[in-house]
Amino acid sequence: MDETHFKIMKAAMDLITEKGYDAMTTKDIAKRAGVNESTLFRKFEGKQDIVLTAMDYKPWHPHISENMFLNYVGKPETDLMQFAKAYLDNVTPYFVDLSIGLRSPQLKESPPHLRSAESYEDTTSKIMKVPKVFKDGVKSYFNVMVSQKIIRNVDTESAAVMFLSICFGFVFFKASFKEALTELQIDEYIHSSVKIFVDGLEPV
């Protein structure tokens, strides 16, 4: 993968955040990348190939892995702050804008036999991997905490989805409204929101 590949990928992903996948053309990408369209097609098969390739690289692929849930100390407030910080350090407002831009209404709403080869499902599966890994990791952690009676006997699936929502919601608001909705910064938000959440998990 050379510098031209990355220039093309960055151009495509930036355009998706600005105008959406469907509205973007290979001509737009080439112009933004500062290359000829013929060069683009020597490097990639088309815009779908560019996007699917880019989604395996940072900054277009947040690094959320199962391993981040293995190193915990057994204190919910400390551990959940660590999980939340890892999520919010990786899942940025840019990634949210990108995810929205990739959700093509035309492809999603069309009957399956009328959808183009520009596969909505391919990009969706890659986007979905991030929240699923996070939710499953947090759920596994809660299962351990419940079994050790460190937290109350809660529905760990619901608790994990709730915690994911706390993290994703903050990024979504920042992506949508910048500082207009709240001036809270990441560290302050993590500290206060995790404390409130953990208070509800304490054994009765």
C-alpha atoms as a PDB file:
ATOM      1  CA  MET A   1       0.000   0.000   0.000  1.00  0.00           C
ATOM      2  CA  ASP A   2       1.715   3.185  -1.181  1.00  0.00           C
ATOM      3  CA  GLU A   3       1.109   6.891  -0.544  1.00  0.00           C
ATOM      4  CA  THR A   4      -1.205   7.215  -3.551  1.00  0.00           C
ATOM      5  CA  HIS A   5      -3.436   4.445  -2.210  1.00  0.00           C
ATOM      6  CA  PHE A   6      -3.815   6.310   1.071  1.00  0.00           C
ATOM      7  CA  LYS A   7      -4.424   9.662  -0.642  1.00  0.00           C
ATOM      8  CA  ILE A   8      -7.240   8.082  -2.640  1.00  0.00           C
ATOM      9  CA  MET A   9      -8.720   6.373   0.413  1.00  0.00           C
ATOM     10  CA  LYS A  10      -8.594   9.544   2.506  1.00  0.00           C
ATOM     11  CA  ALA A  11     -10.210  11.547  -0.294  1.00  0.00           C
ATOM     12  CA  ALA A  12     -13.036   9.003  -0.593  1.00  0.00           C
ATOM     13  CA  MET A  13     -13.685   8.772   3.124  1.00  0.00           C
ATOM     14  CA  ASP A  14     -13.647  12.553   3.581  1.00  0.00           C
ATOM     15  CA  LEU A  15     -16.114  12.944   0.718  1.00  0.00           C
ATOM     16  CA  ILE A  16     -18.421  10.361   2.293  1.00  0.00           C
ATOM     17  CA  THR A  17     -18.599  12.425   5.479  1.00  0.00           C
ATOM     18  CA  GLU A  18     -19.412  15.516   3.414  1.00  0.00           C
ATOM     19  CA  LYS A  19     -21.863  14.269   0.785  1.00  0.00           C
ATOM     20  CA  GLY A  20     -22.587  10.578   1.363  1.00  0.00           C
ATOM     21  CA  TYR A  21     -21.553   7.442  -0.467  1.00  0.00           C
ATOM     22  CA  ASP A  22     -24.145   7.507  -3.249  1.00  0.00           C
ATOM     23  CA  ALA A  23     -23.467  11.122  -4.229  1.00  0.00           C
ATOM     24  CA  MET A  24     -19.712  10.572  -4.446  1.00  0.00           C
ATOM     25  CA  THR A  25     -18.159   9.632  -7.808  1.00  0.00           C
ATOM     26  CA  THR A  26     -14.742   8.299  -8.737  1.00  0.00           C
ATOM     27  CA  LYS A  27     -14.171  11.587 -10.543  1.00  0.00           C
ATOM     28  CA  ASP A  28     -14.814  13.437  -7.261  1.00  0.00           C
ATOM     29  CA  ILE A  29     -12.396  11.149  -5.436  1.00  0.00           C
ATOM     30  CA  ALA A  30      -9.636  11.539  -8.009  1.00  0.00           C
ATOM     31  CA  LYS A  31      -9.981  15.323  -7.982  1.00  0.00           C
ATOM     32  CA  ARG A  32      -9.871  15.473  -4.165  1.00  0.00           C
ATOM     33  CA  ALA A  33      -6.858  13.136  -4.071  1.00  0.00           C
ATOM     34  CA  GLY A  34      -5.021  15.134  -6.750  1.00  0.00           C
ATOM     35  CA  VAL A  35      -4.663  12.187  -9.125  1.00  0.00           C
ATOM     36  CA  ASN A  36      -6.012  11.247 -12.534  1.00  0.00           C
ATOM     37  CA  GLU A  37      -9.103   9.034 -12.586  1.00  0.00           C
ATOM     38  CA  SER A  38      -7.088   6.515 -14.588  1.00  0.00           C
ATOM     39  CA  THR A  39      -4.603   6.345 -11.700  1.00  0.00           C
ATOM     40  CA  LEU A  40      -7.466   5.665  -9.308  1.00  0.00           C
ATOM     41  CA  PHE A  41      -8.574   2.700 -11.403  1.00  0.00           C
ATOM     42  CA  ARG A  42      -5.038   1.332 -11.523  1.00  0.00           C
ATOM     43  CA  LYS A  43      -5.061   1.249  -7.734  1.00  0.00           C
ATOM     44  CA  PHE A  44      -8.682   0.219  -7.067  1.00  0.00           C
ATOM     45  CA  GLU A  45     -11.555  -1.448  -8.917  1.00  0.00           C
ATOM     46  CA  GLY A  46     -13.976   1.353  -8.039  1.00  0.00           C
ATOM     47  CA  LYS A  47     -15.373   3.343  -5.138  1.00  0.00           C
ATOM     48  CA  GLN A  48     -16.704   0.290  -3.310  1.00  0.00           C
ATOM     49  CA  ASP A  49     -13.232  -1.269  -3.399  1.00  0.00           C
ATOM     50  CA  ILE A  50     -11.719   1.974  -2.076  1.00  0.00           C
ATOM     51  CA  VAL A  51     -14.156   2.141   0.837  1.00  0.00           C
ATOM     52  CA  LEU A  52     -13.953  -1.516   1.844  1.00  0.00           C
ATOM     53  CA  THR A  53     -10.162  -1.398   1.728  1.00  0.00           C
ATOM     54  CA  ALA A  54     -10.015   1.832   3.743  1.00  0.00           C
ATOM     55  CA  MET A  55     -12.257   0.390   6.445  1.00  0.00           C
ATOM     56  CA  ASP A  56      -9.471  -1.995   7.440  1.00  0.00           C
ATOM     57  CA  TYR A  57      -7.107   0.889   8.238  1.00  0.00           C
ATOM     58  CA  LYS A  58      -7.002   3.655  10.831  1.00  0.00           C
ATOM     59  CA  PRO A  59      -8.511   6.247  11.119  1.00  0.00           C
ATOM     60  CA  TRP A  60     -11.422   4.534   9.380  1.00  0.00           C
ATOM     61  CA  HIS A  61     -11.369   1.430  11.572  1.00  0.00           C
ATOM     62  CA  PRO A  62     -11.552   2.124  15.316  1.00  0.00           C
ATOM     63  CA  HIS A  63      -9.342  -0.251  17.275  1.00  0.00           C
ATOM     64  CA  ILE A  64     -11.843  -1.911  19.596  1.00  0.00           C
ATOM     65  CA  SER A  65     -10.853  -5.502  20.332  1.00  0.00           C
ATOM     66  CA  GLU A  66     -11.802  -8.279  22.731  1.00  0.00           C
ATOM     67  CA  ASN A  67      -8.402  -7.903  24.418  1.00  0.00           C
ATOM     68  CA  MET A  68      -9.243  -4.506  25.885  1.00  0.00           C
ATOM     69  CA  PHE A  69     -11.716  -6.206  28.255  1.00  0.00           C
ATOM     70  CA  LEU A  70      -9.223  -8.703  29.666  1.00  0.00           C
ATOM     71  CA  ASN A  71      -7.157  -6.306  31.755  1.00  0.00           C
ATOM     72  CA  TYR A  72      -9.436  -5.203  34.550  1.00  0.00           C
ATOM     73  CA  VAL A  73      -8.954  -4.826  38.295  1.00  0.00           C
ATOM     74  CA  GLY A  74     -12.403  -5.890  39.459  1.00  0.00           C
ATOM     75  CA  LYS A  75     -13.523  -2.434  40.545  1.00  0.00           C
ATOM     76  CA  PRO A  76     -16.462  -1.417  38.308  1.00  0.00           C
ATOM     77  CA  GLU A  77     -15.874   2.338  38.461  1.00  0.00           C
ATOM     78  CA  THR A  78     -12.188   1.984  37.536  1.00  0.00           C
ATOM     79  CA  ASP A  79     -12.792  -0.686  34.894  1.00  0.00           C
ATOM     80  CA  LEU A  80     -15.728   1.041  33.203  1.00  0.00           C
ATOM     81  CA  MET A  81     -13.812   4.311  33.038  1.00  0.00           C
ATOM     82  CA  GLN A  82     -11.028   2.398  31.295  1.00  0.00           C
ATOM     83  CA  PHE A  83     -13.484   0.808  28.821  1.00  0.00           C
ATOM     84  CA  ALA A  84     -15.248   4.114  28.152  1.00  0.00           C
ATOM     85  CA  LYS A  85     -11.976   5.960  27.581  1.00  0.00           C
ATOM     86  CA  ALA A  86     -10.795   3.302  25.121  1.00  0.00           C
ATOM     87  CA  TYR A  87     -14.104   3.582  23.243  1.00  0.00           C
ATOM     88  CA  LEU A  88     -14.168   7.374  23.134  1.00  0.00           C
ATOM     89  CA  ASP A  89     -10.492   7.588  22.156  1.00  0.00           C
ATOM     90  CA  ASN A  90     -11.178   5.376  19.132  1.00  0.00           C
ATOM     91  CA  VAL A  91     -14.777   6.033  18.083  1.00  0.00           C
ATOM     92  CA  THR A  92     -14.536   9.682  17.113  1.00  0.00           C
ATOM     93  CA  PRO A  93     -17.115  12.128  15.719  1.00  0.00           C
ATOM     94  CA  TYR A  94     -15.373  11.653  12.358  1.00  0.00           C
ATOM     95  CA  PHE A  95     -16.151   7.923  12.481  1.00  0.00           C
ATOM     96  CA  VAL A  96     -19.795   8.699  13.297  1.00  0.00           C
ATOM     97  CA  ASP A  97     -20.024  11.068  10.310  1.00  0.00           C
ATOM     98  CA  LEU A  98     -18.435   8.384   8.149  1.00  0.00           C
ATOM     99  CA  SER A  99     -20.891   5.735   9.363  1.00  0.00           C
ATOM    100  CA  ILE A 100     -23.835   8.001   8.555  1.00  0.00           C
ATOM    101  CA  GLY A 101     -22.431   8.814   5.124  1.00  0.00           C
ATOM    102  CA  LEU A 102     -22.040   5.123   4.323  1.00  0.00           C
ATOM    103  CA  ARG A 103     -25.659   4.318   5.108  1.00  0.00           C
ATOM    104  CA  SER A 104     -27.059   4.798   1.643  1.00  0.00           C
ATOM    105  CA  PRO A 105     -30.861   5.244   1.788  1.00  0.00           C
ATOM    106  CA  GLN A 106     -31.130   4.351  -1.900  1.00  0.00           C
ATOM    107  CA  LEU A 107     -29.516   0.966  -1.391  1.00  0.00           C
ATOM    108  CA  LYS A 108     -31.179   0.246   1.943  1.00  0.00           C
ATOM    109  CA  GLU A 109     -34.717   0.987   0.789  1.00  0.00           C
ATOM    110  CA  SER A 110     -34.540  -0.645  -2.636  1.00  0.00           C
ATOM    111  CA  PRO A 111     -35.803  -4.220  -3.045  1.00  0.00           C
ATOM    112  CA  PRO A 112     -32.883  -6.711  -2.921  1.00  0.00           C
ATOM    113  CA  HIS A 113     -33.093  -7.504  -6.666  1.00  0.00           C
ATOM    114  CA  LEU A 114     -32.783  -3.803  -7.542  1.00  0.00           C
ATOM    115  CA  ARG A 115     -29.808  -2.988  -5.320  1.00  0.00           C
ATOM    116  CA  SER A 116     -26.584  -2.246  -7.112  1.00  0.00           C
ATOM    117  CA  ALA A 117     -23.310  -4.066  -6.577  1.00  0.00           C
ATOM    118  CA  GLU A 118     -22.288  -1.178  -4.315  1.00  0.00           C
ATOM    119  CA  SER A 119     -23.162  -3.334  -1.332  1.00  0.00           C
ATOM    120  CA  TYR A 120     -24.816  -1.617   1.624  1.00  0.00           C
ATOM    121  CA  GLU A 121     -24.450  -4.853   3.591  1.00  0.00           C
ATOM    122  CA  ASP A 122     -20.672  -4.997   3.149  1.00  0.00           C
ATOM    123  CA  THR A 123     -20.058  -1.639   4.778  1.00  0.00           C
ATOM    124  CA  THR A 124     -22.728  -2.189   7.434  1.00  0.00           C
ATOM    125  CA  SER A 125     -21.082  -5.396   8.658  1.00  0.00           C
ATOM    126  CA  LYS A 126     -17.767  -3.573   9.095  1.00  0.00           C
ATOM    127  CA  ILE A 127     -19.414  -0.669  10.942  1.00  0.00           C
ATOM    128  CA  MET A 128     -21.419  -3.033  13.160  1.00  0.00           C
ATOM    129  CA  LYS A 129     -18.306  -4.897  14.268  1.00  0.00           C
ATOM    130  CA  VAL A 130     -17.187  -2.008  16.489  1.00  0.00           C
ATOM    131  CA  PRO A 131     -20.299  -1.676  18.712  1.00  0.00           C
ATOM    132  CA  LYS A 132     -20.790  -5.451  18.796  1.00  0.00           C
ATOM    133  CA  VAL A 133     -17.275  -6.164  20.069  1.00  0.00           C
ATOM    134  CA  PHE A 134     -17.674  -3.435  22.684  1.00  0.00           C
ATOM    135  CA  LYS A 135     -21.123  -4.592  23.811  1.00  0.00           C
ATOM    136  CA  ASP A 136     -20.070  -8.249  24.014  1.00  0.00           C
ATOM    137  CA  GLY A 137     -16.898  -7.360  25.932  1.00  0.00           C
ATOM    138  CA  VAL A 138     -18.776  -5.255  28.476  1.00  0.00           C
ATOM    139  CA  LYS A 139     -21.424  -7.967  28.840  1.00  0.00           C
ATOM    140  CA  SER A 140     -18.755 -10.592  29.566  1.00  0.00           C
ATOM    141  CA  TYR A 141     -17.240  -8.273  32.155  1.00  0.00           C
ATOM    142  CA  PHE A 142     -20.637  -7.750  33.819  1.00  0.00           C
ATOM    143  CA  ASN A 143     -21.201 -11.524  33.876  1.00  0.00           C
ATOM    144  CA  VAL A 144     -17.983 -11.943  35.850  1.00  0.00           C
ATOM    145  CA  MET A 145     -18.853  -9.104  38.212  1.00  0.00           C
ATOM    146  CA  VAL A 146     -22.318 -10.584  38.856  1.00  0.00           C
ATOM    147  CA  SER A 147     -20.883 -14.062  39.468  1.00  0.00           C
ATOM    148  CA  GLN A 148     -18.458 -12.605  42.019  1.00  0.00           C
ATOM    149  CA  LYS A 149     -21.285 -10.583  43.623  1.00  0.00           C
ATOM    150  CA  ILE A 150     -19.377  -7.342  43.018  1.00  0.00           C
ATOM    151  CA  ILE A 151     -22.433  -5.878  41.283  1.00  0.00           C
ATOM    152  CA  ARG A 152     -26.105  -6.726  41.699  1.00  0.00           C
ATOM    153  CA  ASN A 153     -27.718  -9.488  39.640  1.00  0.00           C
ATOM    154  CA  VAL A 154     -28.704  -7.436  36.600  1.00  0.00           C
ATOM    155  CA  ASP A 155     -29.648  -8.350  33.035  1.00  0.00           C
ATOM    156  CA  THR A 156     -26.094  -8.096  31.687  1.00  0.00           C
ATOM    157  CA  GLU A 157     -27.209  -7.768  28.053  1.00  0.00           C
ATOM    158  CA  SER A 158     -29.363  -4.744  28.894  1.00  0.00           C
ATOM    159  CA  ALA A 159     -26.647  -3.267  31.099  1.00  0.00           C
ATOM    160  CA  ALA A 160     -24.050  -3.656  28.345  1.00  0.00           C
ATOM    161  CA  VAL A 161     -26.321  -2.048  25.737  1.00  0.00           C
ATOM    162  CA  MET A 162     -27.028   0.795  28.167  1.00  0.00           C
ATOM    163  CA  PHE A 163     -23.316   1.381  28.752  1.00  0.00           C
ATOM    164  CA  LEU A 164     -22.615   1.283  25.003  1.00  0.00           C
ATOM    165  CA  SER A 165     -25.375   3.863  24.538  1.00  0.00           C
ATOM    166  CA  ILE A 166     -23.769   6.138  27.138  1.00  0.00           C
ATOM    167  CA  CYS A 167     -20.498   6.051  25.203  1.00  0.00           C
ATOM    168  CA  PHE A 168     -21.887   6.232  21.678  1.00  0.00           C
ATOM    169  CA  GLY A 169     -24.442   8.891  22.568  1.00  0.00           C
ATOM    170  CA  PHE A 170     -21.717  11.312  23.617  1.00  0.00           C
ATOM    171  CA  VAL A 171     -19.806  10.845  20.351  1.00  0.00           C
ATOM    172  CA  PHE A 172     -23.010  11.180  18.329  1.00  0.00           C
ATOM    173  CA  PHE A 173     -23.935  14.452  20.036  1.00  0.00           C
ATOM    174  CA  LYS A 174     -20.440  15.836  19.437  1.00  0.00           C
ATOM    175  CA  ALA A 175     -20.597  14.791  15.788  1.00  0.00           C
ATOM    176  CA  SER A 176     -24.045  16.331  15.337  1.00  0.00           C
ATOM    177  CA  PHE A 177     -23.845  19.487  17.454  1.00  0.00           C
ATOM    178  CA  LYS A 178     -20.141  20.041  18.268  1.00  0.00           C
ATOM    179  CA  GLU A 179     -20.099  22.189  21.460  1.00  0.00           C
ATOM    180  CA  ALA A 180     -23.614  23.606  20.996  1.00  0.00           C
ATOM    181  CA  LEU A 181     -25.378  20.911  23.034  1.00  0.00           C
ATOM    182  CA  THR A 182     -22.780  20.549  25.795  1.00  0.00           C
ATOM    183  CA  GLU A 183     -19.314  21.833  26.496  1.00  0.00           C
ATOM    184  CA  LEU A 184     -18.457  18.714  28.487  1.00  0.00           C
ATOM    185  CA  GLN A 185     -15.152  17.208  27.394  1.00  0.00           C
ATOM    186  CA  ILE A 186     -14.397  13.501  27.183  1.00  0.00           C
ATOM    187  CA  ASP A 187     -12.540  13.039  30.478  1.00  0.00           C
ATOM    188  CA  GLU A 188     -15.115  14.994  32.485  1.00  0.00           C
ATOM    189  CA  TYR A 189     -17.987  13.122  30.827  1.00  0.00           C
ATOM    190  CA  ILE A 190     -16.413   9.697  31.415  1.00  0.00           C
ATOM    191  CA  HIS A 191     -15.802  10.422  35.092  1.00  0.00           C
ATOM    192  CA  SER A 192     -19.306  11.686  35.864  1.00  0.00           C
ATOM    193  CA  SER A 193     -21.327   9.315  33.656  1.00  0.00           C
ATOM    194  CA  VAL A 194     -19.497   6.174  34.817  1.00  0.00           C
ATOM    195  CA  LYS A 195     -19.951   7.162  38.462  1.00  0.00           C
ATOM    196  CA  ILE A 196     -23.690   7.620  37.954  1.00  0.00           C
ATOM    197  CA  PHE A 197     -23.933   4.312  36.069  1.00  0.00           C
ATOM    198  CA  VAL A 198     -21.959   2.355  38.681  1.00  0.00           C
ATOM    199  CA  ASP A 199     -24.145   3.707  41.504  1.00  0.00           C
ATOM    200  CA  GLY A 200     -27.013   1.784  39.933  1.00  0.00           C
ATOM    201  CA  LEU A 201     -25.029  -1.463  39.880  1.00  0.00           C
ATOM    202  CA  GLU A 202     -24.061  -1.561  43.551  1.00  0.00           C
ATOM    203  CA  PRO A 203     -25.338  -4.632  45.412  1.00  0.00           C
ATOM    204  CA  VAL A 204     -28.421  -4.053  47.520  1.00  0.00           C
END
